Amino acid sequence: MDFITKTINEPWPWYVGGPLIGLTVILLLVMEKKQLGISSSLVYICSVATPFTFDYFKNPEKIKWQFYFVIGLVLGGVLVVVSSDHYLVNLNPETVSELAQLGISVNPGYLPENLLAPSLSTISLLFIGGVFVGFGARYANGCTAGHAIMGMSQLAPSSILATLSFFVGGLLTTYFILPYFF
């Protein structure tokens, strides 16, 4: 049982996780002819939850499996939290130093308190960020996982551009927007 708990609660090395993700991509493409992605499950949720019928929401059955995939991700996260007896994270000292330069204090838990403490600016920033990410994912016809994992493995030019944009956006946010708020 200790092996199972450790396997669930500890980060896996890149040389294990990376090939497993790659194998998942290959199996989905070859066996099921499906593409890995998460944001498409939102289409399924909207098609089931809304009483209106829009062309965009028609034929939700073809993406129903992605909805179940997202449910599995959520349940997996709950399993980790429930089975874990600690929430401490060991960050690289260089990372802690760089975060301190940005004005972000690092506690031993998962979330920096001064970034996610309940305040009007935090809630506003999270809401605006969520709207941008949600809009961008649907506008780009895929989320970060779909483009970075599935699209990049297929060398799709749109996914390469989208993934580069995600990284540039993340860097700009970290170094220019985050310090403005904190």
C-alpha atoms as a PDB file:
ATOM      1  CA  MET A   1       0.000   0.000   0.000  1.00  0.00           C
ATOM      2  CA  ASP A   2       2.909   2.344   0.721  1.00  0.00           C
ATOM      3  CA  PHE A   3       4.111   1.963  -2.888  1.00  0.00           C
ATOM      4  CA  ILE A   4       0.679   2.934  -4.227  1.00  0.00           C
ATOM      5  CA  THR A   5       0.418   5.949  -1.917  1.00  0.00           C
ATOM      6  CA  LYS A   6       3.924   7.091  -2.846  1.00  0.00           C
ATOM      7  CA  THR A   7       3.194   6.588  -6.560  1.00  0.00           C
ATOM      8  CA  ILE A   8       0.052   8.702  -6.316  1.00  0.00           C
ATOM      9  CA  ASN A   9       1.411  11.454  -4.069  1.00  0.00           C
ATOM     10  CA  GLU A  10       4.940  11.977  -5.371  1.00  0.00           C
ATOM     11  CA  PRO A  11       5.810  13.675  -8.658  1.00  0.00           C
ATOM     12  CA  TRP A  12       6.922  11.296 -11.372  1.00  0.00           C
ATOM     13  CA  PRO A  13      10.213  11.947 -13.148  1.00  0.00           C
ATOM     14  CA  TRP A  14       9.984  13.420 -16.631  1.00  0.00           C
ATOM     15  CA  TYR A  15      11.386  10.253 -18.187  1.00  0.00           C
ATOM     16  CA  VAL A  16       8.366   8.310 -16.885  1.00  0.00           C
ATOM     17  CA  GLY A  17       5.570  10.887 -17.275  1.00  0.00           C
ATOM     18  CA  GLY A  18       6.640  12.138 -20.715  1.00  0.00           C
ATOM     19  CA  PRO A  19       6.670   8.734 -22.424  1.00  0.00           C
ATOM     20  CA  LEU A  20       3.350   7.829 -20.766  1.00  0.00           C
ATOM     21  CA  ILE A  21       1.760  10.989 -22.174  1.00  0.00           C
ATOM     22  CA  GLY A  22       3.300  10.226 -25.572  1.00  0.00           C
ATOM     23  CA  LEU A  23       1.998   6.654 -25.450  1.00  0.00           C
ATOM     24  CA  THR A  24      -1.465   7.973 -24.590  1.00  0.00           C
ATOM     25  CA  VAL A  25      -1.362  10.260 -27.635  1.00  0.00           C
ATOM     26  CA  ILE A  26      -0.329   7.383 -29.907  1.00  0.00           C
ATOM     27  CA  LEU A  27      -2.970   5.022 -28.505  1.00  0.00           C
ATOM     28  CA  LEU A  28      -5.720   7.624 -28.857  1.00  0.00           C
ATOM     29  CA  LEU A  29      -4.775   8.361 -32.455  1.00  0.00           C
ATOM     30  CA  VAL A  30      -4.186   4.797 -33.632  1.00  0.00           C
ATOM     31  CA  MET A  31      -6.827   2.858 -31.725  1.00  0.00           C
ATOM     32  CA  GLU A  32      -9.619   5.367 -31.245  1.00  0.00           C
ATOM     33  CA  LYS A  33      -8.881   8.025 -33.891  1.00  0.00           C
ATOM     34  CA  LYS A  34      -9.442  10.661 -31.223  1.00  0.00           C
ATOM     35  CA  GLN A  35      -7.432  13.657 -30.133  1.00  0.00           C
ATOM     36  CA  LEU A  36      -6.517  14.464 -26.562  1.00  0.00           C
ATOM     37  CA  GLY A  37      -7.959  17.742 -25.341  1.00  0.00           C
ATOM     38  CA  ILE A  38      -9.896  19.120 -22.440  1.00  0.00           C
ATOM     39  CA  SER A  39     -11.601  22.320 -23.568  1.00  0.00           C
ATOM     40  CA  SER A  40     -13.860  20.446 -25.990  1.00  0.00           C
ATOM     41  CA  SER A  41     -15.541  18.859 -22.986  1.00  0.00           C
ATOM     42  CA  LEU A  42     -16.978  22.311 -22.267  1.00  0.00           C
ATOM     43  CA  VAL A  43     -18.906  22.036 -25.525  1.00  0.00           C
ATOM     44  CA  TYR A  44     -20.432  18.793 -24.262  1.00  0.00           C
ATOM     45  CA  ILE A  45     -21.339  20.370 -20.912  1.00  0.00           C
ATOM     46  CA  CYS A  46     -22.963  23.344 -22.667  1.00  0.00           C
ATOM     47  CA  SER A  47     -24.865  21.098 -25.069  1.00  0.00           C
ATOM     48  CA  VAL A  48     -26.288  19.091 -22.185  1.00  0.00           C
ATOM     49  CA  ALA A  49     -26.870  21.998 -19.802  1.00  0.00           C
ATOM     50  CA  THR A  50     -28.491  24.543 -22.089  1.00  0.00           C
ATOM     51  CA  PRO A  51     -32.087  24.345 -23.239  1.00  0.00           C
ATOM     52  CA  PHE A  52     -31.188  26.265 -26.398  1.00  0.00           C
ATOM     53  CA  THR A  53     -30.045  24.604 -29.578  1.00  0.00           C
ATOM     54  CA  PHE A  54     -27.132  26.219 -31.346  1.00  0.00           C
ATOM     55  CA  ASP A  55     -25.370  24.636 -34.302  1.00  0.00           C
ATOM     56  CA  TYR A  56     -22.132  24.809 -32.327  1.00  0.00           C
ATOM     57  CA  PHE A  57     -23.549  22.491 -29.656  1.00  0.00           C
ATOM     58  CA  LYS A  58     -25.019  19.864 -31.976  1.00  0.00           C
ATOM     59  CA  ASN A  59     -23.738  16.283 -31.963  1.00  0.00           C
ATOM     60  CA  PRO A  60     -22.202  16.295 -28.486  1.00  0.00           C
ATOM     61  CA  GLU A  61     -21.911  12.495 -28.423  1.00  0.00           C
ATOM     62  CA  LYS A  62     -18.670  12.520 -30.417  1.00  0.00           C
ATOM     63  CA  ILE A  63     -16.917  14.408 -27.612  1.00  0.00           C
ATOM     64  CA  LYS A  64     -18.664  12.789 -24.663  1.00  0.00           C
ATOM     65  CA  TRP A  65     -15.554  10.760 -23.801  1.00  0.00           C
ATOM     66  CA  GLN A  66     -13.603  13.986 -23.194  1.00  0.00           C
ATOM     67  CA  PHE A  67     -16.149  14.969 -20.560  1.00  0.00           C
ATOM     68  CA  TYR A  68     -15.507  11.689 -18.761  1.00  0.00           C
ATOM     69  CA  PHE A  69     -11.773  12.295 -19.111  1.00  0.00           C
ATOM     70  CA  VAL A  70     -12.136  15.634 -17.306  1.00  0.00           C
ATOM     71  CA  ILE A  71     -14.240  13.982 -14.581  1.00  0.00           C
ATOM     72  CA  GLY A  72     -11.407  11.463 -14.171  1.00  0.00           C
ATOM     73  CA  LEU A  73      -8.883  14.289 -13.816  1.00  0.00           C
ATOM     74  CA  VAL A  74     -10.978  15.931 -11.097  1.00  0.00           C
ATOM     75  CA  LEU A  75     -11.508  12.642  -9.254  1.00  0.00           C
ATOM     76  CA  GLY A  76      -7.780  11.910  -9.524  1.00  0.00           C
ATOM     77  CA  GLY A  77      -7.008  15.267  -7.921  1.00  0.00           C
ATOM     78  CA  VAL A  78      -9.485  14.558  -5.135  1.00  0.00           C
ATOM     79  CA  LEU A  79      -7.874  11.134  -4.598  1.00  0.00           C
ATOM     80  CA  VAL A  80      -4.451  12.734  -4.213  1.00  0.00           C
ATOM     81  CA  VAL A  81      -5.722  15.315  -1.712  1.00  0.00           C
ATOM     82  CA  VAL A  82      -7.631  12.735   0.328  1.00  0.00           C
ATOM     83  CA  SER A  83      -4.771  10.224   0.392  1.00  0.00           C
ATOM     84  CA  SER A  84      -2.036  12.769   1.096  1.00  0.00           C
ATOM     85  CA  ASP A  85      -1.022  13.500   4.638  1.00  0.00           C
ATOM     86  CA  HIS A  86       0.951  16.598   3.702  1.00  0.00           C
ATOM     87  CA  TYR A  87       0.680  19.579   1.431  1.00  0.00           C
ATOM     88  CA  LEU A  88       4.279  20.680   1.580  1.00  0.00           C
ATOM     89  CA  VAL A  89       6.221  21.454  -1.561  1.00  0.00           C
ATOM     90  CA  ASN A  90       9.988  21.631  -1.807  1.00  0.00           C
ATOM     91  CA  LEU A  91      10.782  24.373  -4.287  1.00  0.00           C
ATOM     92  CA  ASN A  92      14.175  24.981  -5.802  1.00  0.00           C
ATOM     93  CA  PRO A  93      15.945  27.758  -3.837  1.00  0.00           C
ATOM     94  CA  GLU A  94      16.545  29.686  -7.079  1.00  0.00           C
ATOM     95  CA  THR A  95      12.799  29.631  -7.768  1.00  0.00           C
ATOM     96  CA  VAL A  96      12.077  30.891  -4.246  1.00  0.00           C
ATOM     97  CA  SER A  97      14.593  33.710  -4.775  1.00  0.00           C
ATOM     98  CA  GLU A  98      13.103  34.704  -8.148  1.00  0.00           C
ATOM     99  CA  LEU A  99       9.581  34.664  -6.716  1.00  0.00           C
ATOM    100  CA  ALA A 100      10.744  36.867  -3.833  1.00  0.00           C
ATOM    101  CA  GLN A 101      12.114  39.367  -6.373  1.00  0.00           C
ATOM    102  CA  LEU A 102       8.622  39.491  -7.894  1.00  0.00           C
ATOM    103  CA  GLY A 103       7.141  40.134  -4.446  1.00  0.00           C
ATOM    104  CA  ILE A 104       5.668  36.657  -4.046  1.00  0.00           C
ATOM    105  CA  SER A 105       6.285  34.998  -0.697  1.00  0.00           C
ATOM    106  CA  VAL A 106       6.496  31.228  -0.721  1.00  0.00           C
ATOM    107  CA  ASN A 107       4.880  29.259   2.039  1.00  0.00           C
ATOM    108  CA  PRO A 108       5.513  25.524   2.321  1.00  0.00           C
ATOM    109  CA  GLY A 109       2.125  24.697   0.782  1.00  0.00           C
ATOM    110  CA  TYR A 110       0.971  24.466  -2.800  1.00  0.00           C
ATOM    111  CA  LEU A 111      -0.391  27.991  -3.226  1.00  0.00           C
ATOM    112  CA  PRO A 112       1.370  31.277  -2.471  1.00  0.00           C
ATOM    113  CA  GLU A 113      -0.932  32.991   0.018  1.00  0.00           C
ATOM    114  CA  ASN A 114      -0.330  36.529  -1.232  1.00  0.00           C
ATOM    115  CA  LEU A 115      -1.272  35.451  -4.771  1.00  0.00           C
ATOM    116  CA  LEU A 116      -4.489  33.670  -3.894  1.00  0.00           C
ATOM    117  CA  ALA A 117      -5.626  35.253  -0.641  1.00  0.00           C
ATOM    118  CA  PRO A 118      -9.294  36.217  -0.913  1.00  0.00           C
ATOM    119  CA  SER A 119      -9.352  39.867  -1.944  1.00  0.00           C
ATOM    120  CA  LEU A 120     -11.100  41.928  -4.592  1.00  0.00           C
ATOM    121  CA  SER A 121      -7.949  42.228  -6.717  1.00  0.00           C
ATOM    122  CA  THR A 122      -7.263  38.482  -6.549  1.00  0.00           C
ATOM    123  CA  ILE A 123     -10.830  37.511  -7.409  1.00  0.00           C
ATOM    124  CA  SER A 124     -10.913  40.083 -10.227  1.00  0.00           C
ATOM    125  CA  LEU A 125      -7.582  38.919 -11.616  1.00  0.00           C
ATOM    126  CA  LEU A 126      -8.606  35.248 -11.478  1.00  0.00           C
ATOM    127  CA  PHE A 127     -11.952  35.993 -13.122  1.00  0.00           C
ATOM    128  CA  ILE A 128     -10.430  38.072 -15.919  1.00  0.00           C
ATOM    129  CA  GLY A 129      -7.713  35.461 -16.441  1.00  0.00           C
ATOM    130  CA  GLY A 130     -10.305  32.697 -16.576  1.00  0.00           C
ATOM    131  CA  VAL A 131     -12.353  34.576 -19.160  1.00  0.00           C
ATOM    132  CA  PHE A 132      -9.267  35.170 -21.314  1.00  0.00           C
ATOM    133  CA  VAL A 133      -8.115  31.563 -21.044  1.00  0.00           C
ATOM    134  CA  GLY A 134     -11.594  30.197 -21.748  1.00  0.00           C
ATOM    135  CA  PHE A 135     -12.148  32.503 -24.704  1.00  0.00           C
ATOM    136  CA  GLY A 136      -8.673  31.863 -26.043  1.00  0.00           C
ATOM    137  CA  ALA A 137      -9.038  28.101 -25.761  1.00  0.00           C
ATOM    138  CA  ARG A 138     -12.227  28.078 -27.780  1.00  0.00           C
ATOM    139  CA  TYR A 139     -11.013  30.718 -30.248  1.00  0.00           C
ATOM    140  CA  ALA A 140      -7.806  28.754 -30.856  1.00  0.00           C
ATOM    141  CA  ASN A 141      -9.920  25.601 -31.209  1.00  0.00           C
ATOM    142  CA  GLY A 142      -8.147  23.894 -28.342  1.00  0.00           C
ATOM    143  CA  CYS A 143      -6.669  24.336 -24.909  1.00  0.00           C
ATOM    144  CA  THR A 144      -3.043  24.369 -23.829  1.00  0.00           C
ATOM    145  CA  ALA A 145      -3.034  20.599 -23.321  1.00  0.00           C
ATOM    146  CA  GLY A 146      -4.636  19.926 -26.676  1.00  0.00           C
ATOM    147  CA  HIS A 147      -2.244  22.163 -28.598  1.00  0.00           C
ATOM    148  CA  ALA A 148       0.949  21.464 -26.649  1.00  0.00           C
ATOM    149  CA  ILE A 149       0.522  17.697 -26.367  1.00  0.00           C
ATOM    150  CA  MET A 150      -1.595  16.617 -29.312  1.00  0.00           C
ATOM    151  CA  GLY A 151      -1.037  19.344 -31.881  1.00  0.00           C
ATOM    152  CA  MET A 152       2.710  19.626 -31.343  1.00  0.00           C
ATOM    153  CA  SER A 153       3.105  15.850 -31.673  1.00  0.00           C
ATOM    154  CA  GLN A 154       1.427  16.133 -35.084  1.00  0.00           C
ATOM    155  CA  LEU A 155       3.599  19.150 -35.992  1.00  0.00           C
ATOM    156  CA  ALA A 156       0.491  21.232 -36.652  1.00  0.00           C
ATOM    157  CA  PRO A 157       1.587  24.810 -37.451  1.00  0.00           C
ATOM    158  CA  SER A 158      -1.402  26.265 -35.589  1.00  0.00           C
ATOM    159  CA  SER A 159      -0.494  24.281 -32.466  1.00  0.00           C
ATOM    160  CA  ILE A 160       3.148  25.298 -32.655  1.00  0.00           C
ATOM    161  CA  LEU A 161       2.082  28.953 -32.909  1.00  0.00           C
ATOM    162  CA  ALA A 162      -0.479  28.528 -30.110  1.00  0.00           C
ATOM    163  CA  THR A 163       2.029  26.833 -27.786  1.00  0.00           C
ATOM    164  CA  LEU A 164       4.630  29.533 -28.417  1.00  0.00           C
ATOM    165  CA  SER A 165       1.939  32.123 -27.679  1.00  0.00           C
ATOM    166  CA  PHE A 166       1.088  30.381 -24.385  1.00  0.00           C
ATOM    167  CA  PHE A 167       4.720  30.561 -23.296  1.00  0.00           C
ATOM    168  CA  VAL A 168       5.167  34.179 -24.371  1.00  0.00           C
ATOM    169  CA  GLY A 169       1.895  35.111 -22.640  1.00  0.00           C
ATOM    170  CA  GLY A 170       3.020  33.336 -19.478  1.00  0.00           C
ATOM    171  CA  LEU A 171       6.360  35.130 -19.469  1.00  0.00           C
ATOM    172  CA  LEU A 172       4.755  38.525 -20.097  1.00  0.00           C
ATOM    173  CA  THR A 173       2.225  37.899 -17.335  1.00  0.00           C
ATOM    174  CA  THR A 174       4.893  36.780 -14.871  1.00  0.00           C
ATOM    175  CA  TYR A 175       7.269  39.661 -15.445  1.00  0.00           C
ATOM    176  CA  PHE A 176       4.960  42.559 -16.315  1.00  0.00           C
ATOM    177  CA  ILE A 177       1.408  41.956 -15.076  1.00  0.00           C
ATOM    178  CA  LEU A 178       1.982  40.000 -11.849  1.00  0.00           C
ATOM    179  CA  PRO A 179       4.335  42.589 -10.284  1.00  0.00           C
ATOM    180  CA  TYR A 180       1.754  45.296 -11.019  1.00  0.00           C
ATOM    181  CA  PHE A 181      -0.821  43.527  -8.840  1.00  0.00           C
ATOM    182  CA  PHE A 182       1.486  42.241  -6.120  1.00  0.00           C
END
